Amino acid sequence: YNVQTQTFLIEKNADTEIFCGFFPRLLLAVMLTESKADLEEVIEVPSGTRANTPQYSSADLKDGDKISLGDLISAMLIGNSQEAAVAVGLYMSDGNLSSIIAQMNEKAKTVGAENTVFTNVTGYNDKQNPSRTTLRDIVKICTYALTVDGILDRSDIAYTLLTVNGVTRPLYTKNSLVESSSAYYYKRATGLAVSGDSNSGFAVVSTVLNNNSRFLSV
């Protein structure tokens, strides 16, 4: 997809319903950034975070941990952290995850993703109540995310440090396209998100800047 000209160069099954993958986390990061919250603010990971997280990440965040909002965004975008997404969701909704999920679905519709339904904030594939989207909707959500300050920059980082309870800990990207030591590294690739396991399948979204035109590949 050419972001500048808003044209699809190649598409296949673009309107077939598929699982949402990492997009709840991406959209939640967008919404927190747009909320104008102070991303330097240090908060406590809300009570109930671990209980509502199906799969823990290398960020290993626990209820009561102290971490900045910006680091929570980094944990979501770089480390695919489900517990960071739950923490952000609880923080933004005063503890009501159903409320923030409804807001995410409304936001998706606002950016033109008419066939997207989120059922959780984590991106976990709950087969009893799965989130769903289409490739065309993914392009719409990602194209919008590219306009939000900091989203692409954070997602394009291969390694960073989180500060949790005043102590730094490493966080490594899950996106092999931007990891220079990986066999899949592509120096012109930037961001945006990646996910994959035997439960949900595998997905990647990346952008390339070429001759001042940005291309989005899903």
C-alpha atoms as a PDB file:
ATOM      1  CA  TYR A   1       0.000   0.000   0.000  1.00  0.00           C
ATOM      2  CA  ASN A   2       1.430   3.406  -0.992  1.00  0.00           C
ATOM      3  CA  VAL A   3       0.716   5.628   1.995  1.00  0.00           C
ATOM      4  CA  GLN A   4       1.279   8.870   0.086  1.00  0.00           C
ATOM      5  CA  THR A   5      -0.991   8.093  -2.859  1.00  0.00           C
ATOM      6  CA  GLN A   6      -3.387   5.931  -0.813  1.00  0.00           C
ATOM      7  CA  THR A   7      -3.322   3.193  -3.437  1.00  0.00           C
ATOM      8  CA  PHE A   8      -2.985  -0.579  -3.187  1.00  0.00           C
ATOM      9  CA  LEU A   9      -0.165  -1.932  -5.341  1.00  0.00           C
ATOM     10  CA  ILE A  10      -0.889  -5.607  -4.676  1.00  0.00           C
ATOM     11  CA  GLU A  11      -3.741  -7.175  -2.748  1.00  0.00           C
ATOM     12  CA  LYS A  12      -5.103 -10.660  -2.143  1.00  0.00           C
ATOM     13  CA  ASN A  13      -8.064 -11.665   0.035  1.00  0.00           C
ATOM     14  CA  ALA A  14      -8.057  -8.140   1.421  1.00  0.00           C
ATOM     15  CA  ASP A  15     -11.647  -8.357   2.669  1.00  0.00           C
ATOM     16  CA  THR A  16     -11.550 -11.881   4.099  1.00  0.00           C
ATOM     17  CA  GLU A  17     -12.186 -11.997   7.850  1.00  0.00           C
ATOM     18  CA  ILE A  18      -9.078 -12.896   9.840  1.00  0.00           C
ATOM     19  CA  PHE A  19      -7.859 -12.820  13.440  1.00  0.00           C
ATOM     20  CA  CYS A  20      -6.726  -9.414  14.751  1.00  0.00           C
ATOM     21  CA  GLY A  21      -3.287 -10.440  16.017  1.00  0.00           C
ATOM     22  CA  PHE A  22      -1.367  -7.567  17.603  1.00  0.00           C
ATOM     23  CA  PHE A  23      -3.733  -4.792  16.508  1.00  0.00           C
ATOM     24  CA  PRO A  24      -5.507  -4.308  19.847  1.00  0.00           C
ATOM     25  CA  ARG A  25      -2.124  -3.420  21.375  1.00  0.00           C
ATOM     26  CA  LEU A  26      -1.227  -1.099  18.502  1.00  0.00           C
ATOM     27  CA  LEU A  27      -4.538   0.753  18.669  1.00  0.00           C
ATOM     28  CA  LEU A  28      -4.341   1.002  22.452  1.00  0.00           C
ATOM     29  CA  ALA A  29      -0.880   2.585  22.140  1.00  0.00           C
ATOM     30  CA  VAL A  30      -2.328   5.066  19.643  1.00  0.00           C
ATOM     31  CA  MET A  31      -5.217   5.924  21.954  1.00  0.00           C
ATOM     32  CA  LEU A  32      -2.988   6.431  25.003  1.00  0.00           C
ATOM     33  CA  THR A  33      -0.652   8.667  22.985  1.00  0.00           C
ATOM     34  CA  GLU A  34      -3.569  10.710  21.653  1.00  0.00           C
ATOM     35  CA  SER A  35      -5.049  11.099  25.139  1.00  0.00           C
ATOM     36  CA  LYS A  36      -2.326  13.692  25.813  1.00  0.00           C
ATOM     37  CA  ALA A  37      -1.363  11.866  28.993  1.00  0.00           C
ATOM     38  CA  ASP A  38       2.135  12.658  30.254  1.00  0.00           C
ATOM     39  CA  LEU A  39       4.055   9.643  28.981  1.00  0.00           C
ATOM     40  CA  GLU A  40       6.789  10.355  31.519  1.00  0.00           C
ATOM     41  CA  GLU A  41       4.312   9.834  34.343  1.00  0.00           C
ATOM     42  CA  VAL A  42       5.129   6.807  36.475  1.00  0.00           C
ATOM     43  CA  ILE A  43       2.097   4.755  37.476  1.00  0.00           C
ATOM     44  CA  GLU A  44       1.503   1.577  39.418  1.00  0.00           C
ATOM     45  CA  VAL A  45       0.554  -1.423  37.313  1.00  0.00           C
ATOM     46  CA  PRO A  46      -3.135  -1.736  38.260  1.00  0.00           C
ATOM     47  CA  SER A  47      -4.526  -4.524  40.366  1.00  0.00           C
ATOM     48  CA  GLY A  48      -5.937  -7.268  38.166  1.00  0.00           C
ATOM     49  CA  THR A  49      -3.346  -6.892  35.422  1.00  0.00           C
ATOM     50  CA  ARG A  50      -1.816 -10.343  35.786  1.00  0.00           C
ATOM     51  CA  ALA A  51      -5.212 -11.967  36.320  1.00  0.00           C
ATOM     52  CA  ASN A  52      -6.429 -10.599  32.969  1.00  0.00           C
ATOM     53  CA  THR A  53      -3.282 -11.504  31.007  1.00  0.00           C
ATOM     54  CA  PRO A  54      -3.426 -14.825  29.122  1.00  0.00           C
ATOM     55  CA  GLN A  55       0.282 -14.909  28.191  1.00  0.00           C
ATOM     56  CA  TYR A  56       3.067 -13.077  30.039  1.00  0.00           C
ATOM     57  CA  SER A  57       5.887 -11.430  28.094  1.00  0.00           C
ATOM     58  CA  SER A  58       9.579 -10.849  28.668  1.00  0.00           C
ATOM     59  CA  ALA A  59       8.626  -7.468  30.186  1.00  0.00           C
ATOM     60  CA  ASP A  60       7.319  -9.537  33.124  1.00  0.00           C
ATOM     61  CA  LEU A  61       5.206  -6.765  34.643  1.00  0.00           C
ATOM     62  CA  LYS A  62       3.356  -7.467  37.869  1.00  0.00           C
ATOM     63  CA  ASP A  63       0.543  -5.761  39.765  1.00  0.00           C
ATOM     64  CA  GLY A  64       1.961  -2.882  41.777  1.00  0.00           C
ATOM     65  CA  ASP A  65       5.101  -2.429  39.683  1.00  0.00           C
ATOM     66  CA  LYS A  66       5.981   1.199  39.047  1.00  0.00           C
ATOM     67  CA  ILE A  67       6.592   2.063  35.389  1.00  0.00           C
ATOM     68  CA  SER A  68       6.085   5.076  33.110  1.00  0.00           C
ATOM     69  CA  LEU A  69       3.280   5.237  30.573  1.00  0.00           C
ATOM     70  CA  GLY A  70       5.872   5.649  27.819  1.00  0.00           C
ATOM     71  CA  ASP A  71       7.613   2.448  28.881  1.00  0.00           C
ATOM     72  CA  LEU A  72       4.272   0.646  28.850  1.00  0.00           C
ATOM     73  CA  ILE A  73       3.817   1.746  25.223  1.00  0.00           C
ATOM     74  CA  SER A  74       7.332   0.510  24.424  1.00  0.00           C
ATOM     75  CA  ALA A  75       6.555  -2.815  26.101  1.00  0.00           C
ATOM     76  CA  MET A  76       3.462  -3.188  23.916  1.00  0.00           C
ATOM     77  CA  LEU A  77       5.060  -2.138  20.616  1.00  0.00           C
ATOM     78  CA  ILE A  78       8.547  -3.594  21.013  1.00  0.00           C
ATOM     79  CA  GLY A  79       8.059  -6.548  23.357  1.00  0.00           C
ATOM     80  CA  ASN A  80       4.483  -7.531  22.378  1.00  0.00           C
ATOM     81  CA  SER A  81       3.625  -7.358  26.072  1.00  0.00           C
ATOM     82  CA  GLN A  82       0.096  -8.480  26.830  1.00  0.00           C
ATOM     83  CA  GLU A  83       0.385  -7.496  30.499  1.00  0.00           C
ATOM     84  CA  ALA A  84       1.415  -3.964  29.459  1.00  0.00           C
ATOM     85  CA  ALA A  85      -1.713  -3.773  27.293  1.00  0.00           C
ATOM     86  CA  VAL A  86      -3.900  -4.877  30.191  1.00  0.00           C
ATOM     87  CA  ALA A  87      -2.223  -2.343  32.478  1.00  0.00           C
ATOM     88  CA  VAL A  88      -2.835   0.456  29.973  1.00  0.00           C
ATOM     89  CA  GLY A  89      -6.410  -0.685  29.426  1.00  0.00           C
ATOM     90  CA  LEU A  90      -7.149  -0.713  33.148  1.00  0.00           C
ATOM     91  CA  TYR A  91      -5.427   2.653  33.592  1.00  0.00           C
ATOM     92  CA  MET A  92      -7.368   4.320  30.778  1.00  0.00           C
ATOM     93  CA  SER A  93     -10.735   2.942  31.879  1.00  0.00           C
ATOM     94  CA  ASP A  94     -10.465   3.210  35.663  1.00  0.00           C
ATOM     95  CA  GLY A  95     -10.434  -0.567  35.911  1.00  0.00           C
ATOM     96  CA  ASN A  96     -13.189  -1.346  33.395  1.00  0.00           C
ATOM     97  CA  LEU A  97     -11.721  -3.349  30.518  1.00  0.00           C
ATOM     98  CA  SER A  98     -15.118  -3.705  28.827  1.00  0.00           C
ATOM     99  CA  SER A  99     -15.278   0.082  28.605  1.00  0.00           C
ATOM    100  CA  ILE A 100     -11.878   0.477  26.963  1.00  0.00           C
ATOM    101  CA  ILE A 101     -12.608  -2.355  24.507  1.00  0.00           C
ATOM    102  CA  ALA A 102     -15.788  -0.528  23.481  1.00  0.00           C
ATOM    103  CA  GLN A 103     -13.744   2.649  22.999  1.00  0.00           C
ATOM    104  CA  MET A 104     -11.223   0.733  20.859  1.00  0.00           C
ATOM    105  CA  ASN A 105     -13.990  -0.589  18.640  1.00  0.00           C
ATOM    106  CA  GLU A 106     -15.383   2.910  18.259  1.00  0.00           C
ATOM    107  CA  LYS A 107     -11.913   4.238  17.417  1.00  0.00           C
ATOM    108  CA  ALA A 108     -11.473   1.533  14.780  1.00  0.00           C
ATOM    109  CA  LYS A 109     -14.721   2.613  13.126  1.00  0.00           C
ATOM    110  CA  THR A 110     -13.611   6.253  13.291  1.00  0.00           C
ATOM    111  CA  VAL A 111     -10.470   5.515  11.249  1.00  0.00           C
ATOM    112  CA  GLY A 112     -12.482   3.552   8.693  1.00  0.00           C
ATOM    113  CA  ALA A 113     -11.975  -0.004   9.928  1.00  0.00           C
ATOM    114  CA  GLU A 114     -15.619  -0.981   9.539  1.00  0.00           C
ATOM    115  CA  ASN A 115     -15.084  -4.747   9.703  1.00  0.00           C
ATOM    116  CA  THR A 116     -12.954  -4.876  12.840  1.00  0.00           C
ATOM    117  CA  VAL A 117     -14.177  -6.091  16.226  1.00  0.00           C
ATOM    118  CA  PHE A 118     -11.893  -6.273  19.251  1.00  0.00           C
ATOM    119  CA  THR A 119     -12.898  -8.528  22.132  1.00  0.00           C
ATOM    120  CA  ASN A 120      -9.826  -7.960  24.337  1.00  0.00           C
ATOM    121  CA  VAL A 121      -6.907  -5.555  24.741  1.00  0.00           C
ATOM    122  CA  THR A 122      -4.132  -8.148  24.591  1.00  0.00           C
ATOM    123  CA  GLY A 123      -4.351  -9.571  21.087  1.00  0.00           C
ATOM    124  CA  TYR A 124      -4.731 -13.069  22.523  1.00  0.00           C
ATOM    125  CA  ASN A 125      -6.719 -15.390  20.263  1.00  0.00           C
ATOM    126  CA  ASP A 126      -9.670 -16.377  22.427  1.00  0.00           C
ATOM    127  CA  LYS A 127     -11.276 -18.992  20.186  1.00  0.00           C
ATOM    128  CA  GLN A 128     -14.562 -18.733  22.096  1.00  0.00           C
ATOM    129  CA  ASN A 129     -14.766 -14.986  21.477  1.00  0.00           C
ATOM    130  CA  PRO A 130     -12.182 -14.064  18.837  1.00  0.00           C
ATOM    131  CA  SER A 131     -11.263 -10.577  17.735  1.00  0.00           C
ATOM    132  CA  ARG A 132     -11.551 -10.173  13.975  1.00  0.00           C
ATOM    133  CA  THR A 133     -10.547  -7.834  11.188  1.00  0.00           C
ATOM    134  CA  THR A 134      -9.565  -7.781   7.507  1.00  0.00           C
ATOM    135  CA  LEU A 135      -6.341  -6.931   5.728  1.00  0.00           C
ATOM    136  CA  ARG A 136      -7.955  -3.788   4.344  1.00  0.00           C
ATOM    137  CA  ASP A 137      -8.921  -2.673   7.842  1.00  0.00           C
ATOM    138  CA  ILE A 138      -5.400  -3.404   9.062  1.00  0.00           C
ATOM    139  CA  VAL A 139      -4.057  -1.033   6.423  1.00  0.00           C
ATOM    140  CA  LYS A 140      -6.487   1.663   7.593  1.00  0.00           C
ATOM    141  CA  ILE A 141      -5.524   1.251  11.252  1.00  0.00           C
ATOM    142  CA  CYS A 142      -1.798   1.177  10.487  1.00  0.00           C
ATOM    143  CA  THR A 143      -1.966   4.139   8.119  1.00  0.00           C
ATOM    144  CA  TYR A 144      -3.637   6.111  10.884  1.00  0.00           C
ATOM    145  CA  ALA A 145      -1.094   4.910  13.461  1.00  0.00           C
ATOM    146  CA  LEU A 146       1.699   6.251  11.250  1.00  0.00           C
ATOM    147  CA  THR A 147       0.285   9.769  11.708  1.00  0.00           C
ATOM    148  CA  VAL A 148       0.511   9.606  15.521  1.00  0.00           C
ATOM    149  CA  ASP A 149       3.734  10.986  16.982  1.00  0.00           C
ATOM    150  CA  GLY A 150       6.044   8.344  18.410  1.00  0.00           C
ATOM    151  CA  ILE A 151       4.248   5.202  17.286  1.00  0.00           C
ATOM    152  CA  LEU A 152       6.503   4.357  14.340  1.00  0.00           C
ATOM    153  CA  ASP A 153       9.639   5.503  16.179  1.00  0.00           C
ATOM    154  CA  ARG A 154       8.932   3.275  19.183  1.00  0.00           C
ATOM    155  CA  SER A 155       7.965   0.263  17.082  1.00  0.00           C
ATOM    156  CA  ASP A 156      11.179   0.562  15.058  1.00  0.00           C
ATOM    157  CA  ILE A 157      13.476   0.039  18.061  1.00  0.00           C
ATOM    158  CA  ALA A 158      15.338  -3.276  18.257  1.00  0.00           C
ATOM    159  CA  TYR A 159      16.470  -2.865  21.869  1.00  0.00           C
ATOM    160  CA  THR A 160      15.642  -0.558  24.732  1.00  0.00           C
ATOM    161  CA  LEU A 161      15.593  -0.408  28.519  1.00  0.00           C
ATOM    162  CA  LEU A 162      12.464  -0.367  30.647  1.00  0.00           C
ATOM    163  CA  THR A 163      12.605   1.197  34.084  1.00  0.00           C
ATOM    164  CA  VAL A 164      10.514  -0.841  36.497  1.00  0.00           C
ATOM    165  CA  ASN A 165      10.512   0.010  40.217  1.00  0.00           C
ATOM    166  CA  GLY A 166      13.497   2.270  39.574  1.00  0.00           C
ATOM    167  CA  VAL A 167      15.599  -0.532  38.055  1.00  0.00           C
ATOM    168  CA  THR A 168      16.332  -0.896  34.334  1.00  0.00           C
ATOM    169  CA  ARG A 169      15.723  -4.132  32.489  1.00  0.00           C
ATOM    170  CA  PRO A 170      16.344  -4.979  28.798  1.00  0.00           C
ATOM    171  CA  LEU A 171      13.572  -5.235  26.234  1.00  0.00           C
ATOM    172  CA  TYR A 172      14.227  -6.766  22.823  1.00  0.00           C
ATOM    173  CA  THR A 173      12.095  -6.500  19.708  1.00  0.00           C
ATOM    174  CA  LYS A 174      10.072  -9.424  18.423  1.00  0.00           C
ATOM    175  CA  ASN A 175      10.392  -8.043  14.879  1.00  0.00           C
ATOM    176  CA  SER A 176      13.280  -9.749  13.082  1.00  0.00           C
ATOM    177  CA  LEU A 177      13.045  -7.298  10.166  1.00  0.00           C
ATOM    178  CA  VAL A 178      14.491  -4.500  12.324  1.00  0.00           C
ATOM    179  CA  GLU A 179      16.968  -6.629  14.309  1.00  0.00           C
ATOM    180  CA  SER A 180      20.354  -6.226  12.621  1.00  0.00           C
ATOM    181  CA  SER A 181      21.697  -9.586  13.800  1.00  0.00           C
ATOM    182  CA  SER A 182      18.731 -11.490  12.366  1.00  0.00           C
ATOM    183  CA  ALA A 183      18.795 -13.404   9.091  1.00  0.00           C
ATOM    184  CA  TYR A 184      15.525 -11.635   8.274  1.00  0.00           C
ATOM    185  CA  TYR A 185      16.914  -8.124   8.822  1.00  0.00           C
ATOM    186  CA  TYR A 186      16.076  -5.630   6.090  1.00  0.00           C
ATOM    187  CA  LYS A 187      17.797  -2.286   6.537  1.00  0.00           C
ATOM    188  CA  ARG A 188      15.021  -0.279   4.878  1.00  0.00           C
ATOM    189  CA  ALA A 189      12.246  -1.836   6.966  1.00  0.00           C
ATOM    190  CA  THR A 190      10.746   0.295   9.744  1.00  0.00           C
ATOM    191  CA  GLY A 191       8.376  -1.024  12.428  1.00  0.00           C
ATOM    192  CA  LEU A 192       5.508  -1.600  12.691  1.00  0.00           C
ATOM    193  CA  ALA A 193       4.315  -4.781  14.404  1.00  0.00           C
ATOM    194  CA  VAL A 194       4.714  -8.549  14.411  1.00  0.00           C
ATOM    195  CA  SER A 195       3.076 -11.468  16.183  1.00  0.00           C
ATOM    196  CA  GLY A 196       2.925 -15.207  15.950  1.00  0.00           C
ATOM    197  CA  ASP A 197       2.327 -18.433  17.790  1.00  0.00           C
ATOM    198  CA  SER A 198       0.651 -21.776  17.164  1.00  0.00           C
ATOM    199  CA  ASN A 199      -2.565 -20.462  18.727  1.00  0.00           C
ATOM    200  CA  SER A 200      -3.090 -17.367  16.593  1.00  0.00           C
ATOM    201  CA  GLY A 201      -0.935 -17.843  13.489  1.00  0.00           C
ATOM    202  CA  PHE A 202       1.724 -15.465  12.224  1.00  0.00           C
ATOM    203  CA  ALA A 203       1.601 -11.883  11.013  1.00  0.00           C
ATOM    204  CA  VAL A 204       3.873  -8.950  10.237  1.00  0.00           C
ATOM    205  CA  VAL A 205       3.293  -5.356   9.201  1.00  0.00           C
ATOM    206  CA  SER A 206       6.224  -3.253   8.116  1.00  0.00           C
ATOM    207  CA  THR A 207       6.911  -0.056   6.217  1.00  0.00           C
ATOM    208  CA  VAL A 208       9.638   0.959   3.780  1.00  0.00           C
ATOM    209  CA  LEU A 209      10.589   4.514   2.869  1.00  0.00           C
ATOM    210  CA  ASN A 210      11.698   4.635  -0.771  1.00  0.00           C
ATOM    211  CA  ASN A 211      12.261   7.834  -2.780  1.00  0.00           C
ATOM    212  CA  ASN A 212      10.230   9.801  -0.239  1.00  0.00           C
ATOM    213  CA  SER A 213       7.259   7.456  -0.606  1.00  0.00           C
ATOM    214  CA  ARG A 214       6.281   5.189   2.282  1.00  0.00           C
ATOM    215  CA  PHE A 215       4.992   1.728   1.485  1.00  0.00           C
ATOM    216  CA  LEU A 216       3.085  -0.425   3.956  1.00  0.00           C
ATOM    217  CA  SER A 217       3.235  -4.205   3.677  1.00  0.00           C
ATOM    218  CA  VAL A 218       0.888  -6.558   5.522  1.00  0.00           C
END
